[in-house]
């Protein structure tokens, strides 16, 4: 499956993947509806970086979550 197209479905997939990878307990902060499709490329870049990185330290996890919060509507 290609996530290159900025669609709502692809946005939901990358947000869900990041929530799982970051082990976010409160999934309500990772609701795809809270993210603007106009920010798709930035969110996709974060997703790709997270996929490449693998394991994250606590500080890195917090930084990713803060970055995601900055992209919310």
Protein backbone atom coordinates (compact mmCIF):
# COMPACT_ATOMS: atom_id res chain seq x y z
CA UNK A 1 0.00 0.00 0.00
CA UNK A 2 1.31 3.41 -0.93
CA UNK A 3 0.97 6.23 1.56
CA UNK A 4 2.19 8.86 -0.91
CA UNK A 5 -1.29 10.23 -1.68
CA UNK A 6 -2.59 12.76 0.87
CA UNK A 7 -5.98 11.17 1.57
CA UNK A 8 -7.97 11.02 4.81
CA UNK A 9 -7.60 7.23 4.78
CA UNK A 10 -3.80 7.44 4.46
CA UNK A 11 -3.70 10.11 7.16
CA UNK A 12 -5.63 7.80 9.48
CA UNK A 13 -3.18 4.97 8.74
CA UNK A 14 -0.05 7.02 9.49
CA UNK A 15 -1.56 8.53 12.66
CA UNK A 16 -2.58 5.05 13.88
CA UNK A 17 0.86 3.63 13.04
CA UNK A 18 2.58 6.43 14.96
CA UNK A 19 0.26 6.00 17.96
CA UNK A 20 1.06 2.30 18.07
CA UNK A 21 4.80 2.86 17.61
CA UNK A 22 4.87 5.60 20.28
CA UNK A 23 2.75 3.41 22.58
CA UNK A 24 0.26 6.21 23.17
CA UNK A 25 -2.20 5.09 25.85
CA UNK A 26 -4.69 7.94 25.40
CA UNK A 27 -5.59 7.40 21.74
CA UNK A 28 -8.00 10.36 21.80
CA UNK A 29 -5.01 12.67 21.30
CA UNK A 30 -4.21 10.71 18.14
CA UNK A 31 -7.59 11.11 16.43
CA UNK A 32 -6.96 11.52 12.67
CA UNK A 33 -9.90 13.97 12.47
CA UNK A 34 -7.86 16.38 14.61
CA UNK A 35 -5.20 16.68 11.92
CA UNK A 36 -5.45 18.82 8.81
CA UNK A 37 -4.91 17.05 5.50
CA UNK A 38 -2.87 20.11 4.46
CA UNK A 39 -0.20 18.94 6.96
CA UNK A 40 -0.06 15.47 5.38
CA UNK A 41 3.50 15.74 4.06
CA UNK A 42 4.87 16.92 7.43
CA UNK A 43 3.03 14.11 9.23
CA UNK A 44 4.19 11.59 6.63
CA UNK A 45 7.79 12.73 7.18
CA UNK A 46 7.40 12.20 10.93
CA UNK A 47 5.90 8.77 10.25
CA UNK A 48 8.77 7.80 7.96
CA UNK A 49 11.36 9.02 10.47
CA UNK A 50 9.68 7.04 13.22
CA UNK A 51 9.62 3.91 11.06
CA UNK A 52 13.34 4.24 10.29
CA UNK A 53 14.32 5.05 13.85
CA UNK A 54 12.88 1.93 15.47
CA UNK A 55 13.28 2.16 19.25
CA UNK A 56 12.98 5.60 20.82
CA UNK A 57 14.20 6.93 24.11
CA UNK A 58 11.68 8.51 26.48
CA UNK A 59 12.88 11.99 25.49
CA UNK A 60 12.55 11.16 21.78
CA UNK A 61 9.04 9.79 22.33
CA UNK A 62 8.02 12.97 24.15
CA UNK A 63 9.51 15.08 21.36
CA UNK A 64 7.55 13.14 18.72
CA UNK A 65 4.32 13.51 20.67
CA UNK A 66 4.94 17.25 21.08
CA UNK A 67 5.62 17.59 17.36
CA UNK A 68 2.37 15.80 16.61
CA UNK A 69 0.53 18.09 19.03
CA UNK A 70 1.93 21.07 17.12
CA UNK A 71 0.31 19.76 13.93
CA UNK A 72 -3.17 19.32 15.42
CA UNK A 73 -5.95 21.65 14.32
